[in-house]
Amino acid sequence: MSERLGLVAFERERQPLYLQVPQISCSKEYSDETSREIYSEIRRVVEEAHKHVKEILTEKRDLLDKVAHILLEKEVIQGEELKKLVSEAA
């Protein structure tokens, strides 16, 4: 779903290969222009998410470094210890 393309499914639900009945031809149910719009929208969403993730990781770099250091020493961080680290960083 996106604001640009709306609540539309452009492909039928896929089935596992072992359940599929062989088809003579496989035709898409949308135009080349719609295909370009889908690609463009996917690219926009992925780039937006990538930018957002980079911002979060940059903002939380100190916490990430601290967690990485602990993991290098102990290999495991238990839930409560991780919660404590995150709450201290907030």
N, C-alpha and C. Protein backbone atom coordinates (compact mmCIF):
# COMPACT_ATOMS: atom_id res chain seq x y z
N MET A 1 0.84 -1.18 0.00
CA MET A 1 0.00 0.00 0.00
C MET A 1 0.88 1.23 0.00
N SER A 2 0.48 2.22 -0.78
CA SER A 2 1.14 3.51 -0.77
C SER A 2 0.11 4.58 -1.10
N GLU A 3 0.44 5.81 -0.77
CA GLU A 3 -0.47 6.90 -1.08
C GLU A 3 -0.62 7.06 -2.59
N ARG A 4 0.46 6.81 -3.31
CA ARG A 4 0.45 7.01 -4.75
C ARG A 4 -0.34 5.92 -5.49
N LEU A 5 -0.18 4.67 -5.10
CA LEU A 5 -0.83 3.57 -5.81
C LEU A 5 -2.12 3.09 -5.14
N GLY A 6 -2.30 3.41 -3.87
CA GLY A 6 -3.53 3.05 -3.19
C GLY A 6 -3.59 1.60 -2.74
N LEU A 7 -4.79 1.16 -2.42
CA LEU A 7 -5.02 -0.19 -1.91
C LEU A 7 -5.34 -1.14 -3.06
N VAL A 8 -4.33 -1.43 -3.87
CA VAL A 8 -4.54 -2.26 -5.04
C VAL A 8 -3.51 -3.38 -5.06
N ALA A 9 -3.94 -4.59 -5.40
CA ALA A 9 -3.02 -5.70 -5.58
C ALA A 9 -2.78 -5.84 -7.08
N PHE A 10 -1.53 -5.88 -7.49
CA PHE A 10 -1.21 -5.95 -8.91
C PHE A 10 -0.87 -7.36 -9.38
N GLU A 11 -0.72 -8.29 -8.47
CA GLU A 11 -0.46 -9.67 -8.84
C GLU A 11 -1.35 -10.57 -8.02
N ARG A 12 -1.64 -11.71 -8.59
CA ARG A 12 -2.41 -12.70 -7.84
C ARG A 12 -1.52 -13.26 -6.74
N GLU A 13 -2.15 -13.81 -5.72
CA GLU A 13 -1.41 -14.45 -4.64
C GLU A 13 -0.60 -15.61 -5.20
N ARG A 14 0.66 -15.70 -4.80
CA ARG A 14 1.52 -16.76 -5.30
C ARG A 14 1.34 -18.03 -4.48
N GLN A 15 1.50 -19.15 -5.15
CA GLN A 15 1.42 -20.45 -4.50
C GLN A 15 2.78 -21.11 -4.57
N PRO A 16 3.06 -22.02 -3.66
CA PRO A 16 4.32 -22.78 -3.77
C PRO A 16 4.38 -23.50 -5.11
N LEU A 17 5.59 -23.65 -5.65
CA LEU A 17 5.77 -24.26 -6.96
C LEU A 17 5.13 -25.64 -7.07
N TYR A 18 5.19 -26.43 -6.01
CA TYR A 18 4.65 -27.77 -6.09
C TYR A 18 3.13 -27.81 -6.17
N LEU A 19 2.46 -26.69 -5.90
CA LEU A 19 1.00 -26.64 -5.98
C LEU A 19 0.51 -25.99 -7.27
N GLN A 20 1.41 -25.39 -8.04
CA GLN A 20 0.99 -24.66 -9.22
C GLN A 20 0.66 -25.60 -10.37
N VAL A 21 -0.35 -25.22 -11.09
CA VAL A 21 -0.73 -25.92 -12.30
C VAL A 21 0.01 -25.25 -13.45
N PRO A 22 0.68 -26.01 -14.31
CA PRO A 22 1.40 -25.39 -15.42
C PRO A 22 0.48 -24.53 -16.27
N GLN A 23 0.97 -23.35 -16.65
CA GLN A 23 0.19 -22.45 -17.49
C GLN A 23 0.88 -22.30 -18.84
N ILE A 24 0.09 -22.07 -19.85
CA ILE A 24 0.64 -21.90 -21.19
C ILE A 24 1.34 -20.55 -21.30
N SER A 25 0.73 -19.52 -20.77
CA SER A 25 1.35 -18.20 -20.82
C SER A 25 1.12 -17.48 -19.51
N CYS A 26 2.01 -16.59 -19.24
CA CYS A 26 1.92 -15.81 -18.00
C CYS A 26 1.86 -14.34 -18.40
N SER A 27 0.70 -13.75 -18.25
CA SER A 27 0.57 -12.34 -18.64
C SER A 27 0.28 -11.51 -17.41
N LYS A 28 0.91 -10.35 -17.36
CA LYS A 28 0.64 -9.46 -16.24
C LYS A 28 -0.69 -8.75 -16.48
N GLU A 29 -1.26 -8.29 -15.40
CA GLU A 29 -2.60 -7.71 -15.48
C GLU A 29 -2.57 -6.19 -15.37
N TYR A 30 -1.43 -5.58 -15.75
CA TYR A 30 -1.32 -4.13 -15.71
C TYR A 30 -0.37 -3.67 -16.81
N SER A 31 -0.46 -2.38 -17.13
CA SER A 31 0.28 -1.83 -18.26
C SER A 31 1.75 -1.59 -17.92
N ASP A 32 2.54 -1.31 -18.97
CA ASP A 32 3.95 -0.97 -18.76
C ASP A 32 4.08 0.32 -17.94
N GLU A 33 3.17 1.26 -18.16
CA GLU A 33 3.20 2.51 -17.39
C GLU A 33 2.95 2.23 -15.91
N THR A 34 1.99 1.38 -15.62
CA THR A 34 1.72 1.01 -14.22
C THR A 34 2.92 0.27 -13.64
N SER A 35 3.55 -0.57 -14.45
CA SER A 35 4.75 -1.28 -14.01
C SER A 35 5.85 -0.29 -13.61
N ARG A 36 6.03 0.76 -14.42
CA ARG A 36 7.03 1.79 -14.10
C ARG A 36 6.65 2.52 -12.81
N GLU A 37 5.36 2.80 -12.63
CA GLU A 37 4.89 3.46 -11.41
C GLU A 37 5.15 2.59 -10.18
N ILE A 38 4.89 1.30 -10.30
CA ILE A 38 5.14 0.37 -9.20
C ILE A 38 6.61 0.38 -8.84
N TYR A 39 7.48 0.26 -9.85
CA TYR A 39 8.92 0.28 -9.62
C TYR A 39 9.35 1.57 -8.96
N SER A 40 8.84 2.70 -9.46
CA SER A 40 9.19 4.01 -8.92
C SER A 40 8.76 4.13 -7.45
N GLU A 41 7.57 3.65 -7.16
CA GLU A 41 7.05 3.74 -5.79
C GLU A 41 7.83 2.82 -4.85
N ILE A 42 8.18 1.62 -5.31
CA ILE A 42 8.99 0.72 -4.49
C ILE A 42 10.33 1.37 -4.20
N ARG A 43 10.94 1.95 -5.21
CA ARG A 43 12.24 2.62 -5.03
C ARG A 43 12.13 3.76 -4.02
N ARG A 44 11.06 4.57 -4.13
CA ARG A 44 10.86 5.68 -3.21
C ARG A 44 10.72 5.18 -1.77
N VAL A 45 9.91 4.15 -1.58
CA VAL A 45 9.68 3.61 -0.24
C VAL A 45 10.97 3.06 0.35
N VAL A 46 11.74 2.31 -0.45
CA VAL A 46 12.99 1.73 0.03
C VAL A 46 14.00 2.82 0.36
N GLU A 47 14.13 3.82 -0.50
CA GLU A 47 15.07 4.92 -0.24
C GLU A 47 14.68 5.72 1.00
N GLU A 48 13.38 5.94 1.17
CA GLU A 48 12.89 6.65 2.36
C GLU A 48 13.18 5.85 3.63
N ALA A 49 12.95 4.55 3.59
CA ALA A 49 13.23 3.69 4.74
C ALA A 49 14.73 3.65 5.03
N HIS A 50 15.55 3.57 3.99
CA HIS A 50 17.00 3.56 4.16
C HIS A 50 17.48 4.85 4.83
N LYS A 51 16.96 5.97 4.38
CA LYS A 51 17.32 7.26 4.98
C LYS A 51 16.93 7.31 6.45
N HIS A 52 15.73 6.83 6.75
CA HIS A 52 15.22 6.84 8.13
C HIS A 52 16.08 5.96 9.03
N VAL A 53 16.44 4.78 8.54
CA VAL A 53 17.26 3.85 9.32
C VAL A 53 18.64 4.45 9.57
N LYS A 54 19.23 5.08 8.55
CA LYS A 54 20.54 5.71 8.73
C LYS A 54 20.48 6.81 9.80
N GLU A 55 19.40 7.58 9.81
CA GLU A 55 19.23 8.63 10.81
C GLU A 55 19.16 8.03 12.21
N ILE A 56 18.39 6.97 12.37
CA ILE A 56 18.26 6.31 13.68
C ILE A 56 19.60 5.75 14.13
N LEU A 57 20.30 5.04 13.23
CA LEU A 57 21.58 4.45 13.58
C LEU A 57 22.62 5.52 13.92
N THR A 58 22.60 6.62 13.22
CA THR A 58 23.53 7.72 13.52
C THR A 58 23.20 8.33 14.88
N GLU A 59 21.91 8.52 15.14
CA GLU A 59 21.47 9.09 16.41
C GLU A 59 21.82 8.18 17.59
N LYS A 60 21.72 6.88 17.39
CA LYS A 60 21.94 5.90 18.47
C LYS A 60 23.33 5.26 18.39
N ARG A 61 24.29 5.89 17.73
CA ARG A 61 25.61 5.30 17.51
C ARG A 61 26.30 4.91 18.82
N ASP A 62 26.23 5.77 19.83
CA ASP A 62 26.89 5.47 21.11
C ASP A 62 26.34 4.18 21.72
N LEU A 63 25.02 4.02 21.69
CA LEU A 63 24.39 2.81 22.22
C LEU A 63 24.81 1.59 21.40
N LEU A 64 24.84 1.73 20.08
CA LEU A 64 25.25 0.61 19.23
C LEU A 64 26.68 0.19 19.53
N ASP A 65 27.57 1.17 19.71
CA ASP A 65 28.96 0.85 20.03
C ASP A 65 29.07 0.13 21.37
N LYS A 66 28.29 0.61 22.35
CA LYS A 66 28.31 0.00 23.68
C LYS A 66 27.81 -1.45 23.62
N VAL A 67 26.72 -1.68 22.91
CA VAL A 67 26.16 -3.02 22.78
C VAL A 67 27.15 -3.92 22.03
N ALA A 68 27.77 -3.41 20.98
CA ALA A 68 28.74 -4.19 20.21
C ALA A 68 29.92 -4.59 21.10
N HIS A 69 30.39 -3.67 21.93
CA HIS A 69 31.51 -3.95 22.83
C HIS A 69 31.13 -5.07 23.82
N ILE A 70 29.95 -4.98 24.40
CA ILE A 70 29.48 -5.99 25.34
C ILE A 70 29.37 -7.35 24.65
N LEU A 71 28.83 -7.35 23.42
CA LEU A 71 28.69 -8.61 22.68
C LEU A 71 30.04 -9.22 22.33
N LEU A 72 31.03 -8.39 22.06
CA LEU A 72 32.37 -8.91 21.78
C LEU A 72 32.97 -9.56 23.02
N GLU A 73 32.64 -9.01 24.19
CA GLU A 73 33.16 -9.57 25.45
C GLU A 73 32.40 -10.82 25.88
N LYS A 74 31.05 -10.76 25.84
CA LYS A 74 30.22 -11.81 26.43
C LYS A 74 29.50 -12.68 25.41
N GLU A 75 29.36 -12.23 24.19
CA GLU A 75 28.65 -12.90 23.10
C GLU A 75 27.13 -12.89 23.24
N VAL A 76 26.62 -12.65 24.44
CA VAL A 76 25.17 -12.67 24.67
C VAL A 76 24.78 -11.54 25.60
N ILE A 77 23.65 -10.90 25.30
CA ILE A 77 23.06 -9.91 26.22
C ILE A 77 21.66 -10.41 26.53
N GLN A 78 21.37 -10.62 27.80
CA GLN A 78 20.05 -11.07 28.22
C GLN A 78 19.06 -9.91 28.10
N GLY A 79 17.79 -10.23 28.03
CA GLY A 79 16.73 -9.26 27.83
C GLY A 79 16.75 -8.10 28.80
N GLU A 80 16.86 -8.39 30.08
CA GLU A 80 16.83 -7.33 31.09
C GLU A 80 18.03 -6.39 30.95
N GLU A 81 19.19 -6.96 30.67
CA GLU A 81 20.40 -6.14 30.50
C GLU A 81 20.25 -5.22 29.28
N LEU A 82 19.70 -5.75 28.21
CA LEU A 82 19.48 -4.94 27.00
C LEU A 82 18.47 -3.84 27.26
N LYS A 83 17.39 -4.18 27.95
CA LYS A 83 16.39 -3.16 28.30
C LYS A 83 17.03 -2.05 29.13
N LYS A 84 17.88 -2.41 30.07
CA LYS A 84 18.55 -1.42 30.91
C LYS A 84 19.45 -0.52 30.08
N LEU A 85 20.21 -1.10 29.16
CA LEU A 85 21.09 -0.31 28.29
C LEU A 85 20.29 0.67 27.44
N VAL A 86 19.19 0.19 26.88
CA VAL A 86 18.36 1.04 26.02
C VAL A 86 17.71 2.16 26.82
N SER A 87 17.21 1.83 28.03
CA SER A 87 16.56 2.87 28.83
C SER A 87 17.55 3.91 29.32
N GLU A 88 18.79 3.50 29.58
CA GLU A 88 19.82 4.45 29.99
C GLU A 88 20.19 5.39 28.84
N ALA A 89 20.10 4.91 27.63
CA ALA A 89 20.48 5.70 26.47
C ALA A 89 19.37 6.68 26.07
N ALA A 90 18.16 6.42 26.51
CA ALA A 90 17.02 7.26 26.12
C ALA A 90 16.99 8.60 26.79
